[in-house]
Amino acid sequence: MSRISLTVHPNDNVTTLLDFKTEDWLTQAGLALQETIAFGHKAALKPILQGQAIIKYGTPIGIATQDIPKGAHVHIHNCR
């Protein structure tokens, strides 16, 4: 069974994981996760280059501090 995630706006480049499962590394939308991602945390929907905006709900919420591959965890370790 795949993980539940929420993507609100068509311009979003991240999705938010909405379940507590950690053993499944595929979202219901078909995104292959690159690592275990906790409930409420974000995963990259496409590659995000260093310096690019992190877009959630159609709004910039941060800047990537390093290249983030598709399916990777997006959090304080790789954005500000």
C-alpha atoms as a PDB file:
ATOM      1  CA  MET A   1       0.000   0.000   0.000  1.00  0.00           C
ATOM      2  CA  SER A   2       1.339   3.438  -0.895  1.00  0.00           C
ATOM      3  CA  ARG A   3       1.798   6.515   1.265  1.00  0.00           C
ATOM      4  CA  ILE A   4      -0.698   9.368   1.390  1.00  0.00           C
ATOM      5  CA  SER A   5       0.622  12.775   0.378  1.00  0.00           C
ATOM      6  CA  LEU A   6      -0.889  16.188  -0.241  1.00  0.00           C
ATOM      7  CA  THR A   7      -0.006  18.492  -3.106  1.00  0.00           C
ATOM      8  CA  VAL A   8      -2.239  21.572  -3.201  1.00  0.00           C
ATOM      9  CA  HIS A   9      -1.153  23.758  -6.108  1.00  0.00           C
ATOM     10  CA  PRO A  10       0.018  22.812  -9.619  1.00  0.00           C
ATOM     11  CA  ASN A  11       3.175  24.936  -9.129  1.00  0.00           C
ATOM     12  CA  ASP A  12       4.202  23.081  -5.937  1.00  0.00           C
ATOM     13  CA  ASN A  13       7.569  21.348  -6.122  1.00  0.00           C
ATOM     14  CA  VAL A  14       7.045  19.519  -2.808  1.00  0.00           C
ATOM     15  CA  THR A  15       4.350  17.254  -1.410  1.00  0.00           C
ATOM     16  CA  THR A  16       3.554  16.672   2.276  1.00  0.00           C
ATOM     17  CA  LEU A  17       3.382  13.126   3.681  1.00  0.00           C
ATOM     18  CA  LEU A  18       0.164  12.624   5.631  1.00  0.00           C
ATOM     19  CA  ASP A  19       0.537   9.193   7.192  1.00  0.00           C
ATOM     20  CA  PHE A  20       2.720   7.567   9.812  1.00  0.00           C
ATOM     21  CA  LYS A  21       3.898   4.658   7.656  1.00  0.00           C
ATOM     22  CA  THR A  22       7.603   4.571   6.973  1.00  0.00           C
ATOM     23  CA  GLU A  23       8.001   1.191   5.289  1.00  0.00           C
ATOM     24  CA  ASP A  24       6.396   2.228   1.977  1.00  0.00           C
ATOM     25  CA  TRP A  25       8.559   4.340  -0.291  1.00  0.00           C
ATOM     26  CA  LEU A  26       5.950   5.141  -2.941  1.00  0.00           C
ATOM     27  CA  THR A  27       3.174   7.746  -2.707  1.00  0.00           C
ATOM     28  CA  GLN A  28      -0.339   7.226  -4.022  1.00  0.00           C
ATOM     29  CA  ALA A  29       0.557   9.652  -6.835  1.00  0.00           C
ATOM     30  CA  GLY A  30       3.457   7.408  -7.898  1.00  0.00           C
ATOM     31  CA  LEU A  31       6.352   9.436  -6.457  1.00  0.00           C
ATOM     32  CA  ALA A  32       9.212   7.124  -5.441  1.00  0.00           C
ATOM     33  CA  LEU A  33      10.652   8.372  -2.143  1.00  0.00           C
ATOM     34  CA  GLN A  34      14.439   8.290  -1.806  1.00  0.00           C
ATOM     35  CA  GLU A  35      14.429   7.825   1.983  1.00  0.00           C
ATOM     36  CA  THR A  36      12.191   7.431   5.016  1.00  0.00           C
ATOM     37  CA  ILE A  37      10.155  10.621   5.484  1.00  0.00           C
ATOM     38  CA  ALA A  38       8.136  11.303   8.642  1.00  0.00           C
ATOM     39  CA  PHE A  39       4.494  12.384   8.886  1.00  0.00           C
ATOM     40  CA  GLY A  40       4.034  16.061   8.004  1.00  0.00           C
ATOM     41  CA  HIS A  41       7.409  16.380   6.290  1.00  0.00           C
ATOM     42  CA  LYS A  42       7.926  17.232   2.628  1.00  0.00           C
ATOM     43  CA  ALA A  43       9.308  15.329  -0.348  1.00  0.00           C
ATOM     44  CA  ALA A  44      10.542  16.874  -3.585  1.00  0.00           C
ATOM     45  CA  LEU A  45       8.172  16.280  -6.516  1.00  0.00           C
ATOM     46  CA  LYS A  46      10.951  17.050  -9.004  1.00  0.00           C
ATOM     47  CA  PRO A  47      14.630  17.937  -8.761  1.00  0.00           C
ATOM     48  CA  ILE A  48      15.145  21.272  -6.987  1.00  0.00           C
ATOM     49  CA  LEU A  49      18.451  23.005  -7.671  1.00  0.00           C
ATOM     50  CA  GLN A  50      20.455  24.887  -5.076  1.00  0.00           C
ATOM     51  CA  GLY A  51      19.107  28.442  -4.863  1.00  0.00           C
ATOM     52  CA  GLN A  52      15.658  27.575  -6.228  1.00  0.00           C
ATOM     53  CA  ALA A  53      12.519  28.326  -4.240  1.00  0.00           C
ATOM     54  CA  ILE A  54      10.718  25.577  -2.327  1.00  0.00           C
ATOM     55  CA  ILE A  55       7.066  25.977  -3.410  1.00  0.00           C
ATOM     56  CA  LYS A  56       4.217  24.716  -1.201  1.00  0.00           C
ATOM     57  CA  TYR A  57       0.561  25.807  -1.559  1.00  0.00           C
ATOM     58  CA  GLY A  58       1.701  27.774  -4.630  1.00  0.00           C
ATOM     59  CA  THR A  59       3.866  30.018  -2.432  1.00  0.00           C
ATOM     60  CA  PRO A  60       7.634  30.082  -1.832  1.00  0.00           C
ATOM     61  CA  ILE A  61       8.372  28.797   1.687  1.00  0.00           C
ATOM     62  CA  GLY A  62      12.161  28.597   1.485  1.00  0.00           C
ATOM     63  CA  ILE A  63      15.249  28.280  -0.682  1.00  0.00           C
ATOM     64  CA  ALA A  64      17.166  25.084  -1.406  1.00  0.00           C
ATOM     65  CA  THR A  65      20.653  25.247   0.148  1.00  0.00           C
ATOM     66  CA  GLN A  66      21.798  22.290  -1.976  1.00  0.00           C
ATOM     67  CA  ASP A  67      20.521  20.282  -4.928  1.00  0.00           C
ATOM     68  CA  ILE A  68      17.556  18.143  -3.845  1.00  0.00           C
ATOM     69  CA  PRO A  69      16.735  15.090  -5.965  1.00  0.00           C
ATOM     70  CA  LYS A  70      13.196  14.050  -6.837  1.00  0.00           C
ATOM     71  CA  GLY A  71      11.701  12.029  -3.967  1.00  0.00           C
ATOM     72  CA  ALA A  72      14.159  13.314  -1.353  1.00  0.00           C
ATOM     73  CA  HIS A  73      13.243  14.679   2.075  1.00  0.00           C
ATOM     74  CA  VAL A  74      12.960  18.485   2.054  1.00  0.00           C
ATOM     75  CA  HIS A  75      13.601  19.948   5.512  1.00  0.00           C
ATOM     76  CA  ILE A  76      15.995  22.194   7.445  1.00  0.00           C
ATOM     77  CA  HIS A  77      19.041  20.155   6.393  1.00  0.00           C
ATOM     78  CA  ASN A  78      18.665  21.220   2.743  1.00  0.00           C
ATOM     79  CA  CYS A  79      16.650  24.443   2.751  1.00  0.00           C
ATOM     80  CA  ARG A  80      16.340  27.702   4.643  1.00  0.00           C
END
